[in-house]
PDB file of N, CA and C in Angstrom:
ATOM      1  N   MET A   1     -18.918   3.418   8.752  1.00  0.00           N
ATOM      2  CA  MET A   1     -18.249   3.111   7.450  1.00  0.00           C
ATOM      3  C   MET A   1     -16.710   3.676   7.436  1.00  0.00           C
ATOM      4  N   LEU A   2     -15.746   3.124   6.990  1.00  0.00           N
ATOM      5  CA  LEU A   2     -14.667   3.824   6.810  1.00  0.00           C
ATOM      6  C   LEU A   2     -14.354   4.716   5.408  1.00  0.00           C
ATOM      7  N   LEU A   3     -14.044   5.678   5.547  1.00  0.00           N
ATOM      8  CA  LEU A   3     -13.741   6.486   4.506  1.00  0.00           C
ATOM      9  C   LEU A   3     -12.290   6.461   4.001  1.00  0.00           C
ATOM     10  N   ILE A   4     -11.795   6.182   2.761  1.00  0.00           N
ATOM     11  CA  ILE A   4     -10.913   6.421   2.298  1.00  0.00           C
ATOM     12  C   ILE A   4     -10.422   7.392   1.289  1.00  0.00           C
ATOM     13  N   THR A   5      -9.395   8.284   1.381  1.00  0.00           N
ATOM     14  CA  THR A   5      -9.312   9.117   0.454  1.00  0.00           C
ATOM     15  C   THR A   5      -8.311   8.884  -0.448  1.00  0.00           C
ATOM     16  N   CYS A   6      -9.175   8.850  -1.760  1.00  0.00           N
ATOM     17  CA  CYS A   6      -8.412   8.431  -3.295  1.00  0.00           C
ATOM     18  C   CYS A   6      -7.784   9.597  -3.582  1.00  0.00           C
ATOM     19  N   PRO A   7      -6.274   9.605  -3.739  1.00  0.00           N
ATOM     20  CA  PRO A   7      -5.417  10.908  -4.335  1.00  0.00           C
ATOM     21  C   PRO A   7      -6.136  11.390  -5.593  1.00  0.00           C
ATOM     22  N   TYR A   8      -7.081  10.721  -6.194  1.00  0.00           N
ATOM     23  CA  TYR A   8      -7.290  11.234  -7.279  1.00  0.00           C
ATOM     24  C   TYR A   8      -8.967  11.763  -7.715  1.00  0.00           C
ATOM     25  N   CYS A   9      -9.824  10.873  -6.514  1.00  0.00           N
ATOM     26  CA  CYS A   9     -11.249  11.229  -6.705  1.00  0.00           C
ATOM     27  C   CYS A   9     -11.713  11.850  -5.238  1.00  0.00           C
ATOM     28  N   GLY A  10     -10.790  12.091  -4.424  1.00  0.00           N
ATOM     29  CA  GLY A  10     -11.106  12.288  -2.860  1.00  0.00           C
ATOM     30  C   GLY A  10     -11.902  11.053  -2.040  1.00  0.00           C
ATOM     31  N   PRO A  11     -12.420  11.267  -0.547  1.00  0.00           N
ATOM     32  CA  PRO A  11     -13.313  10.811   0.087  1.00  0.00           C
ATOM     33  C   PRO A  11     -14.013   9.666  -0.480  1.00  0.00           C
ATOM     34  N   ARG A  12     -14.175   8.263  -0.434  1.00  0.00           N
ATOM     35  CA  ARG A  12     -15.328   7.377  -0.690  1.00  0.00           C
ATOM     36  C   ARG A  12     -14.976   6.286   0.387  1.00  0.00           C
ATOM     37  N   PRO A  13     -16.293   5.738   0.117  1.00  0.00           N
ATOM     38  CA  PRO A  13     -16.500   4.415   1.194  1.00  0.00           C
ATOM     39  C   PRO A  13     -15.577   3.485   0.866  1.00  0.00           C
ATOM     40  N   GLU A  14     -15.176   2.738   1.918  1.00  0.00           N
ATOM     41  CA  GLU A  14     -14.158   1.519   1.869  1.00  0.00           C
ATOM     42  C   GLU A  14     -14.609   0.457   0.643  1.00  0.00           C
ATOM     43  N   ILE A  15     -15.898   0.466   0.696  1.00  0.00           N
ATOM     44  CA  ILE A  15     -16.051  -0.840  -0.156  1.00  0.00           C
ATOM     45  C   ILE A  15     -16.059  -0.665  -1.665  1.00  0.00           C
ATOM     46  N   GLU A  16     -15.422   0.686  -1.753  1.00  0.00           N
ATOM     47  CA  GLU A  16     -15.065   0.783  -3.302  1.00  0.00           C
ATOM     48  C   GLU A  16     -13.616   0.529  -3.613  1.00  0.00           C
ATOM     49  N   PHE A  17     -12.712   0.226  -2.535  1.00  0.00           N
ATOM     50  CA  PHE A  17     -11.481  -0.187  -2.669  1.00  0.00           C
ATOM     51  C   PHE A  17     -11.105  -1.461  -2.571  1.00  0.00           C
ATOM     52  N   ARG A  18      -9.882  -1.968  -2.883  1.00  0.00           N
ATOM     53  CA  ARG A  18      -9.466  -3.208  -2.807  1.00  0.00           C
ATOM     54  C   ARG A  18      -7.821  -3.165  -2.276  1.00  0.00           C
ATOM     55  N   GLY A  19      -7.345  -4.019  -1.414  1.00  0.00           N
ATOM     56  CA  GLY A  19      -6.217  -4.032  -0.968  1.00  0.00           C
ATOM     57  C   GLY A  19      -5.272  -4.707  -1.873  1.00  0.00           C
ATOM     58  N   GLY A  20      -3.723  -3.824  -1.949  1.00  0.00           N
ATOM     59  CA  GLY A  20      -2.851  -4.791  -2.928  1.00  0.00           C
ATOM     60  C   GLY A  20      -1.662  -5.028  -2.287  1.00  0.00           C
ATOM     61  N   GLY A  21      -1.756  -5.131  -1.005  1.00  0.00           N
ATOM     62  CA  GLY A  21      -0.485  -5.559  -0.343  1.00  0.00           C
ATOM     63  C   GLY A  21       0.602  -4.687   0.124  1.00  0.00           C
ATOM     64  N   GLU A  22       1.838  -4.888   0.272  1.00  0.00           N
ATOM     65  CA  GLU A  22       2.788  -3.716   0.746  1.00  0.00           C
ATOM     66  C   GLU A  22       3.252  -3.060  -0.612  1.00  0.00           C
ATOM     67  N   ALA A  23       3.351  -1.942  -0.271  1.00  0.00           N
ATOM     68  CA  ALA A  23       3.995  -0.662  -1.342  1.00  0.00           C
ATOM     69  C   ALA A  23       5.280  -0.523  -1.248  1.00  0.00           C
ATOM     70  N   HIS A  24       5.793  -0.212  -2.240  1.00  0.00           N
ATOM     71  CA  HIS A  24       7.288   0.029  -2.679  1.00  0.00           C
ATOM     72  C   HIS A  24       8.032  -1.009  -2.474  1.00  0.00           C
ATOM     73  N   ILE A  25       7.770  -2.208  -3.299  1.00  0.00           N
ATOM     74  CA  ILE A  25       8.129  -3.528  -3.376  1.00  0.00           C
ATOM     75  C   ILE A  25       8.949  -3.134  -4.614  1.00  0.00           C
ATOM     76  N   ALA A  26      10.360  -3.570  -5.113  1.00  0.00           N
ATOM     77  CA  ALA A  26      10.884  -3.248  -6.410  1.00  0.00           C
ATOM     78  C   ALA A  26      10.935  -4.725  -6.964  1.00  0.00           C
ATOM     79  N   ARG A  27      10.427  -4.596  -8.198  1.00  0.00           N
ATOM     80  CA  ARG A  27      10.749  -6.018  -9.127  1.00  0.00           C
ATOM     81  C   ARG A  27      11.947  -6.397  -9.290  1.00  0.00           C
ATOM     82  N   PRO A  28      12.453  -7.582  -9.128  1.00  0.00           N
ATOM     83  CA  PRO A  28      13.812  -7.779  -9.596  1.00  0.00           C
ATOM     84  C   PRO A  28      14.325  -7.214 -11.229  1.00  0.00           C
ATOM     85  N   ALA A  29      15.151  -6.736 -11.164  1.00  0.00           N
ATOM     86  CA  ALA A  29      15.683  -6.307 -12.617  1.00  0.00           C
ATOM     87  C   ALA A  29      15.641  -7.250 -13.482  1.00  0.00           C
ATOM     88  N   ASP A  30      16.133  -8.643 -13.451  1.00  0.00           N
ATOM     89  CA  ASP A  30      16.285  -9.717 -14.012  1.00  0.00           C
ATOM     90  C   ASP A  30      15.813 -10.842 -13.358  1.00  0.00           C
ATOM     91  N   PRO A  31      14.477 -11.231 -13.496  1.00  0.00           N
ATOM     92  CA  PRO A  31      13.921 -12.274 -12.675  1.00  0.00           C
ATOM     93  C   PRO A  31      14.576 -13.817 -13.168  1.00  0.00           C
ATOM     94  N   SER A  32      14.692 -14.147 -14.346  1.00  0.00           N
ATOM     95  CA  SER A  32      15.479 -15.089 -14.527  1.00  0.00           C
ATOM     96  C   SER A  32      16.656 -15.375 -13.886  1.00  0.00           C
ATOM     97  N   GLN A  33      17.504 -14.612 -13.479  1.00  0.00           N
ATOM     98  CA  GLN A  33      18.681 -14.757 -12.607  1.00  0.00           C
ATOM     99  C   GLN A  33      18.347 -15.174 -11.094  1.00  0.00           C
ATOM    100  N   LEU A  34      17.327 -15.055 -10.946  1.00  0.00           N
ATOM    101  CA  LEU A  34      16.851 -15.818  -9.222  1.00  0.00           C
ATOM    102  C   LEU A  34      16.797 -17.310  -9.277  1.00  0.00           C
ATOM    103  N   ASP A  35      17.391 -17.614  -8.109  1.00  0.00           N
ATOM    104  CA  ASP A  35      16.843 -19.137  -7.853  1.00  0.00           C
ATOM    105  C   ASP A  35      15.468 -18.920  -7.208  1.00  0.00           C
ATOM    106  N   ASP A  36      15.083 -20.353  -6.991  1.00  0.00           N
ATOM    107  CA  ASP A  36      13.756 -20.717  -6.381  1.00  0.00           C
ATOM    108  C   ASP A  36      13.322 -19.684  -5.281  1.00  0.00           C
ATOM    109  N   ALA A  37      14.524 -20.083  -4.244  1.00  0.00           N
ATOM    110  CA  ALA A  37      14.359 -19.357  -2.767  1.00  0.00           C
ATOM    111  C   ALA A  37      14.390 -17.984  -3.135  1.00  0.00           C
ATOM    112  N   GLN A  38      15.112 -17.309  -3.894  1.00  0.00           N
ATOM    113  CA  GLN A  38      15.034 -15.697  -4.094  1.00  0.00           C
ATOM    114  C   GLN A  38      13.719 -15.362  -4.742  1.00  0.00           C
ATOM    115  N   TRP A  39      13.290 -16.243  -5.694  1.00  0.00           N
ATOM    116  CA  TRP A  39      12.018 -15.760  -6.259  1.00  0.00           C
ATOM    117  C   TRP A  39      10.766 -15.807  -5.513  1.00  0.00           C
ATOM    118  N   ALA A  40      10.854 -16.993  -4.393  1.00  0.00           N
ATOM    119  CA  ALA A  40       9.828 -17.077  -3.644  1.00  0.00           C
ATOM    120  C   ALA A  40       9.947 -15.834  -2.565  1.00  0.00           C
ATOM    121  N   ALA A  41      11.180 -15.444  -1.950  1.00  0.00           N
ATOM    122  CA  ALA A  41      10.945 -14.233  -1.393  1.00  0.00           C
ATOM    123  C   ALA A  41      10.548 -13.274  -1.893  1.00  0.00           C
ATOM    124  N   PHE A  42      10.811 -13.109  -2.999  1.00  0.00           N
ATOM    125  CA  PHE A  42      10.207 -11.883  -3.920  1.00  0.00           C
ATOM    126  C   PHE A  42       8.680 -11.822  -3.852  1.00  0.00           C
ATOM    127  N   LEU A  43       8.147 -12.864  -4.061  1.00  0.00           N
ATOM    128  CA  LEU A  43       6.649 -13.282  -4.129  1.00  0.00           C
ATOM    129  C   LEU A  43       5.774 -13.045  -2.985  1.00  0.00           C
ATOM    130  N   PHE A  44       6.553 -13.870  -2.149  1.00  0.00           N
ATOM    131  CA  PHE A  44       5.744 -14.028  -0.909  1.00  0.00           C
ATOM    132  C   PHE A  44       6.139 -13.487   0.498  1.00  0.00           C
ATOM    133  N   TYR A  45       7.332 -13.057   0.638  1.00  0.00           N
ATOM    134  CA  TYR A  45       7.777 -12.563   1.898  1.00  0.00           C
ATOM    135  C   TYR A  45       7.541 -11.079   2.146  1.00  0.00           C
ATOM    136  N   ARG A  46       6.831 -10.898   3.059  1.00  0.00           N
ATOM    137  CA  ARG A  46       6.325  -9.184   3.118  1.00  0.00           C
ATOM    138  C   ARG A  46       6.612  -9.003   4.567  1.00  0.00           C
ATOM    139  N   THR A  47       6.930  -7.508   5.067  1.00  0.00           N
ATOM    140  CA  THR A  47       6.844  -7.299   6.306  1.00  0.00           C
ATOM    141  C   THR A  47       5.286  -7.351   6.892  1.00  0.00           C
ATOM    142  N   ASN A  48       5.283  -7.359   8.137  1.00  0.00           N
ATOM    143  CA  ASN A  48       4.165  -7.417   8.896  1.00  0.00           C
ATOM    144  C   ASN A  48       4.148  -6.686  10.154  1.00  0.00           C
ATOM    145  N   PRO A  49       4.334  -5.350  10.276  1.00  0.00           N
ATOM    146  CA  PRO A  49       4.644  -4.756  11.326  1.00  0.00           C
ATOM    147  C   PRO A  49       3.473  -4.215  12.087  1.00  0.00           C
ATOM    148  N   ARG A  50       3.814  -3.982  13.275  1.00  0.00           N
ATOM    149  CA  ARG A  50       2.707  -3.637  14.207  1.00  0.00           C
ATOM    150  C   ARG A  50       2.760  -1.945  14.388  1.00  0.00           C
ATOM    151  N   GLY A  51       1.734  -1.319  13.776  1.00  0.00           N
ATOM    152  CA  GLY A  51       2.234  -0.008  13.533  1.00  0.00           C
ATOM    153  C   GLY A  51       1.904   0.830  12.073  1.00  0.00           C
ATOM    154  N   MET A  52       2.547   1.684  11.661  1.00  0.00           N
ATOM    155  CA  MET A  52       2.341   2.210  10.404  1.00  0.00           C
ATOM    156  C   MET A  52       2.865   1.426   9.380  1.00  0.00           C
ATOM    157  N   HIS A  53       2.290   1.241   8.219  1.00  0.00           N
ATOM    158  CA  HIS A  53       2.683   0.388   7.249  1.00  0.00           C
ATOM    159  C   HIS A  53       2.205   0.887   5.888  1.00  0.00           C
ATOM    160  N   ALA A  54       3.103   1.135   4.853  1.00  0.00           N
ATOM    161  CA  ALA A  54       2.630   1.702   3.458  1.00  0.00           C
ATOM    162  C   ALA A  54       2.115   0.277   2.649  1.00  0.00           C
ATOM    163  N   GLU A  55       0.945   0.738   2.199  1.00  0.00           N
ATOM    164  CA  GLU A  55      -0.009  -0.338   1.510  1.00  0.00           C
ATOM    165  C   GLU A  55      -0.125  -0.005  -0.102  1.00  0.00           C
ATOM    166  N   ARG A  56      -0.370  -0.550  -0.853  1.00  0.00           N
ATOM    167  CA  ARG A  56      -1.071  -0.530  -2.094  1.00  0.00           C
ATOM    168  C   ARG A  56      -2.609  -0.539  -1.920  1.00  0.00           C
ATOM    169  N   TRP A  57      -3.242   0.433  -2.797  1.00  0.00           N
ATOM    170  CA  TRP A  57      -4.764   0.094  -2.961  1.00  0.00           C
ATOM    171  C   TRP A  57      -5.335   0.639  -4.283  1.00  0.00           C
ATOM    172  N   LEU A  58      -6.371  -0.230  -4.766  1.00  0.00           N
ATOM    173  CA  LEU A  58      -6.746   0.313  -6.148  1.00  0.00           C
ATOM    174  C   LEU A  58      -8.113   0.595  -5.726  1.00  0.00           C
ATOM    175  N   HIS A  59      -8.577   1.850  -6.562  1.00  0.00           N
ATOM    176  CA  HIS A  59     -10.044   2.372  -6.331  1.00  0.00           C
ATOM    177  C   HIS A  59     -10.793   1.492  -7.389  1.00  0.00           C
ATOM    178  N   ALA A  60     -11.249   0.279  -7.245  1.00  0.00           N
ATOM    179  CA  ALA A  60     -11.785  -0.646  -7.966  1.00  0.00           C
ATOM    180  C   ALA A  60     -13.261   0.080  -8.610  1.00  0.00           C
ATOM    181  N   HIS A  61     -14.116   0.389  -7.717  1.00  0.00           N
ATOM    182  CA  HIS A  61     -15.155   0.971  -8.068  1.00  0.00           C
ATOM    183  C   HIS A  61     -15.421   2.512  -7.968  1.00  0.00           C
ATOM    184  N   GLY A  62     -14.253   3.067  -8.870  1.00  0.00           N
ATOM    185  CA  GLY A  62     -13.954   4.418  -9.197  1.00  0.00           C
ATOM    186  C   GLY A  62     -13.150   4.653 -10.357  1.00  0.00           C
ATOM    187  N   CYS A  63     -12.192   5.214  -9.982  1.00  0.00           N
ATOM    188  CA  CYS A  63     -11.025   5.628 -11.056  1.00  0.00           C
ATOM    189  C   CYS A  63     -10.238   4.688 -11.686  1.00  0.00           C
ATOM    190  N   GLN A  64     -10.239   3.591 -10.733  1.00  0.00           N
ATOM    191  CA  GLN A  64      -9.492   2.191 -10.979  1.00  0.00           C
ATOM    192  C   GLN A  64      -8.021   2.244 -11.169  1.00  0.00           C
ATOM    193  N   ARG A  65      -7.589   3.405 -10.162  1.00  0.00           N
ATOM    194  CA  ARG A  65      -6.258   3.784 -10.487  1.00  0.00           C
ATOM    195  C   ARG A  65      -5.706   2.951  -8.904  1.00  0.00           C
ATOM    196  N   TRP A  66      -4.253   2.667  -8.844  1.00  0.00           N
ATOM    197  CA  TRP A  66      -3.508   2.330  -7.750  1.00  0.00           C
ATOM    198  C   TRP A  66      -2.789   3.705  -7.120  1.00  0.00           C
ATOM    199  N   PHE A  67      -2.983   3.361  -5.547  1.00  0.00           N
ATOM    200  CA  PHE A  67      -2.030   4.472  -5.277  1.00  0.00           C
ATOM    201  C   PHE A  67      -1.724   3.715  -3.629  1.00  0.00           C
ATOM    202  N   ASN A  68      -1.028   4.583  -3.139  1.00  0.00           N
ATOM    203  CA  ASN A  68      -0.640   3.979  -1.664  1.00  0.00           C
ATOM    204  C   ASN A  68      -1.046   4.755  -0.382  1.00  0.00           C
ATOM    205  N   ALA A  69      -1.143   4.113   0.751  1.00  0.00           N
ATOM    206  CA  ALA A  69      -1.831   4.565   1.707  1.00  0.00           C
ATOM    207  C   ALA A  69      -0.449   4.178   3.155  1.00  0.00           C
ATOM    208  N   LEU A  70      -0.595   5.027   4.112  1.00  0.00           N
ATOM    209  CA  LEU A  70      -0.247   4.837   5.188  1.00  0.00           C
ATOM    210  C   LEU A  70      -1.002   4.228   6.155  1.00  0.00           C
ATOM    211  N   ARG A  71      -1.277   2.967   6.656  1.00  0.00           N
ATOM    212  CA  ARG A  71      -2.459   2.708   7.604  1.00  0.00           C
ATOM    213  C   ARG A  71      -1.635   2.104   8.818  1.00  0.00           C
ATOM    214  N   ASP A  72      -2.273   2.478   9.843  1.00  0.00           N
ATOM    215  CA  ASP A  72      -1.727   1.828  11.163  1.00  0.00           C
ATOM    216  C   ASP A  72      -2.403   0.492  11.521  1.00  0.00           C
ATOM    217  N   THR A  73      -1.597  -0.384  11.591  1.00  0.00           N
ATOM    218  CA  THR A  73      -2.206  -2.003  11.538  1.00  0.00           C
ATOM    219  C   THR A  73      -2.754  -2.212  12.718  1.00  0.00           C
ATOM    220  N   VAL A  74      -2.581  -1.472  13.804  1.00  0.00           N
ATOM    221  CA  VAL A  74      -3.262  -1.552  15.058  1.00  0.00           C
ATOM    222  C   VAL A  74      -4.747  -0.849  15.422  1.00  0.00           C
ATOM    223  N   SER A  75      -4.648   0.340  14.814  1.00  0.00           N
ATOM    224  CA  SER A  75      -6.081   1.086  14.867  1.00  0.00           C
ATOM    225  C   SER A  75      -6.933   0.915  13.708  1.00  0.00           C
ATOM    226  N   ASP A  76      -6.258   0.445  12.306  1.00  0.00           N
ATOM    227  CA  ASP A  76      -6.939   0.536  11.322  1.00  0.00           C
ATOM    228  C   ASP A  76      -6.703   1.854  10.341  1.00  0.00           C
ATOM    229  N   ARG A  77      -6.558   2.839  11.107  1.00  0.00           N
ATOM    230  CA  ARG A  77      -6.591   4.248  10.781  1.00  0.00           C
ATOM    231  C   ARG A  77      -5.494   4.240   9.599  1.00  0.00           C
ATOM    232  N   ILE A  78      -6.137   5.011   8.321  1.00  0.00           N
ATOM    233  CA  ILE A  78      -5.260   5.328   7.132  1.00  0.00           C
ATOM    234  C   ILE A  78      -4.915   6.942   7.500  1.00  0.00           C
ATOM    235  N   THR A  79      -3.630   7.103   7.668  1.00  0.00           N
ATOM    236  CA  THR A  79      -3.047   8.565   8.007  1.00  0.00           C
ATOM    237  C   THR A  79      -2.896   9.327   6.916  1.00  0.00           C
ATOM    238  N   VAL A  80      -2.508   8.889   5.744  1.00  0.00           N
ATOM    239  CA  VAL A  80      -2.269   9.583   4.503  1.00  0.00           C
ATOM    240  C   VAL A  80      -2.344   8.706   3.108  1.00  0.00           C
ATOM    241  N   THR A  81      -3.012   8.912   2.241  1.00  0.00           N
ATOM    242  CA  THR A  81      -2.845   8.426   0.897  1.00  0.00           C
ATOM    243  C   THR A  81      -2.213   9.287  -0.153  1.00  0.00           C
ATOM    244  N   TYR A  82      -1.187   8.677  -1.027  1.00  0.00           N
ATOM    245  CA  TYR A  82      -0.595   9.124  -2.010  1.00  0.00           C
ATOM    246  C   TYR A  82      -0.377   8.888  -3.434  1.00  0.00           C
ATOM    247  N   ARG A  83      -0.161   9.071  -4.404  1.00  0.00           N
ATOM    248  CA  ARG A  83      -0.088   8.254  -5.588  1.00  0.00           C
ATOM    249  C   ARG A  83       1.082   7.377  -5.971  1.00  0.00           C
ATOM    250  N   SER A  84       0.800   6.622  -6.475  1.00  0.00           N
ATOM    251  CA  SER A  84       2.042   5.533  -6.870  1.00  0.00           C
ATOM    252  C   SER A  84       2.858   6.385  -7.294  1.00  0.00           C
ATOM    253  N   GLY A  85       4.233   5.870  -7.461  1.00  0.00           N
ATOM    254  CA  GLY A  85       5.321   6.669  -7.814  1.00  0.00           C
ATOM    255  C   GLY A  85       5.870   7.764  -6.810  1.00  0.00           C
ATOM    256  N   GLU A  86       5.272   8.144  -6.176  1.00  0.00           N
ATOM    257  CA  GLU A  86       5.511   9.496  -5.072  1.00  0.00           C
ATOM    258  C   GLU A  86       6.180   8.580  -3.943  1.00  0.00           C
ATOM    259  N   PRO A  87       7.295   9.319  -3.481  1.00  0.00           N
ATOM    260  CA  PRO A  87       7.970   8.565  -2.160  1.00  0.00           C
ATOM    261  C   PRO A  87       7.108   8.844  -0.816  1.00  0.00           C
ATOM    262  N   ARG A  88       7.332   7.937   0.017  1.00  0.00           N
ATOM    263  CA  ARG A  88       6.442   7.644   1.097  1.00  0.00           C
ATOM    264  C   ARG A  88       6.791   8.494   1.980  1.00  0.00           C
ATOM    265  N   PRO A  89       5.542   9.175   2.272  1.00  0.00           N
ATOM    266  CA  PRO A  89       5.692  10.677   3.267  1.00  0.00           C
ATOM    267  C   PRO A  89       6.299  10.206   4.655  1.00  0.00           C
ATOM    268  N   ALA A  90       6.936  11.271   5.264  1.00  0.00           N
ATOM    269  CA  ALA A  90       7.507  10.964   6.500  1.00  0.00           C
ATOM    270  C   ALA A  90       6.609  11.190   7.718  1.00  0.00           C
ATOM    271  N   ILE A  91       6.260  10.202   8.210  1.00  0.00           N
ATOM    272  CA  ILE A  91       5.060  10.058   9.405  1.00  0.00           C
ATOM    273  C   ILE A  91       5.837   9.278  10.351  1.00  0.00           C
ATOM    274  N   ASP A  92       5.559  10.154  11.822  1.00  0.00           N
ATOM    275  CA  ASP A  92       6.243   9.346  12.893  1.00  0.00           C
ATOM    276  C   ASP A  92       5.002   8.153  13.446  1.00  0.00           C
ATOM    277  N   LYS A  93       5.612   7.498  14.422  1.00  0.00           N
ATOM    278  CA  LYS A  93       4.897   6.503  15.002  1.00  0.00           C
ATOM    279  C   LYS A  93       3.491   7.004  15.196  1.00  0.00           C
ATOM    280  N   GLU A  94       3.320   8.127  15.684  1.00  0.00           N
ATOM    281  CA  GLU A  94       1.895   8.438  16.326  1.00  0.00           C
ATOM    282  C   GLU A  94       1.166   9.082  15.138  1.00  0.00           C
ATOM    283  N   GLY A  95       1.387   9.522  13.993  1.00  0.00           N
ATOM    284  CA  GLY A  95       0.821   9.622  12.650  1.00  0.00           C
ATOM    285  C   GLY A  95       0.681  11.180  12.614  1.00  0.00           C
ATOM    286  N   ALA A  96       1.602  11.747  13.163  1.00  0.00           N
ATOM    287  CA  ALA A  96       1.519  13.202  13.140  1.00  0.00           C
ATOM    288  C   ALA A  96       2.830  13.576  12.545  1.00  0.00           C
TER     289      ALA A  96
END
């Protein structure tokens, strides 16, 4: 079983968590000014990289807080977790 380290609670089994998509996506300042194509781009288009990717996670069966994680999409290894609102840690492609 995969252990995910919640930055608030510590290491917990993966079944306690839910993924929430790509991290660090800023909501438009005035959504009413967006046309349909711009709104669709905000809602649906995300990066899908091979390698290190910043994601949002919810500790659904624990503290119920959102946090961010850097996960390698090839190995499924989570390199680091950090609280929402904190900047993305500088991690190279090898995860060190």
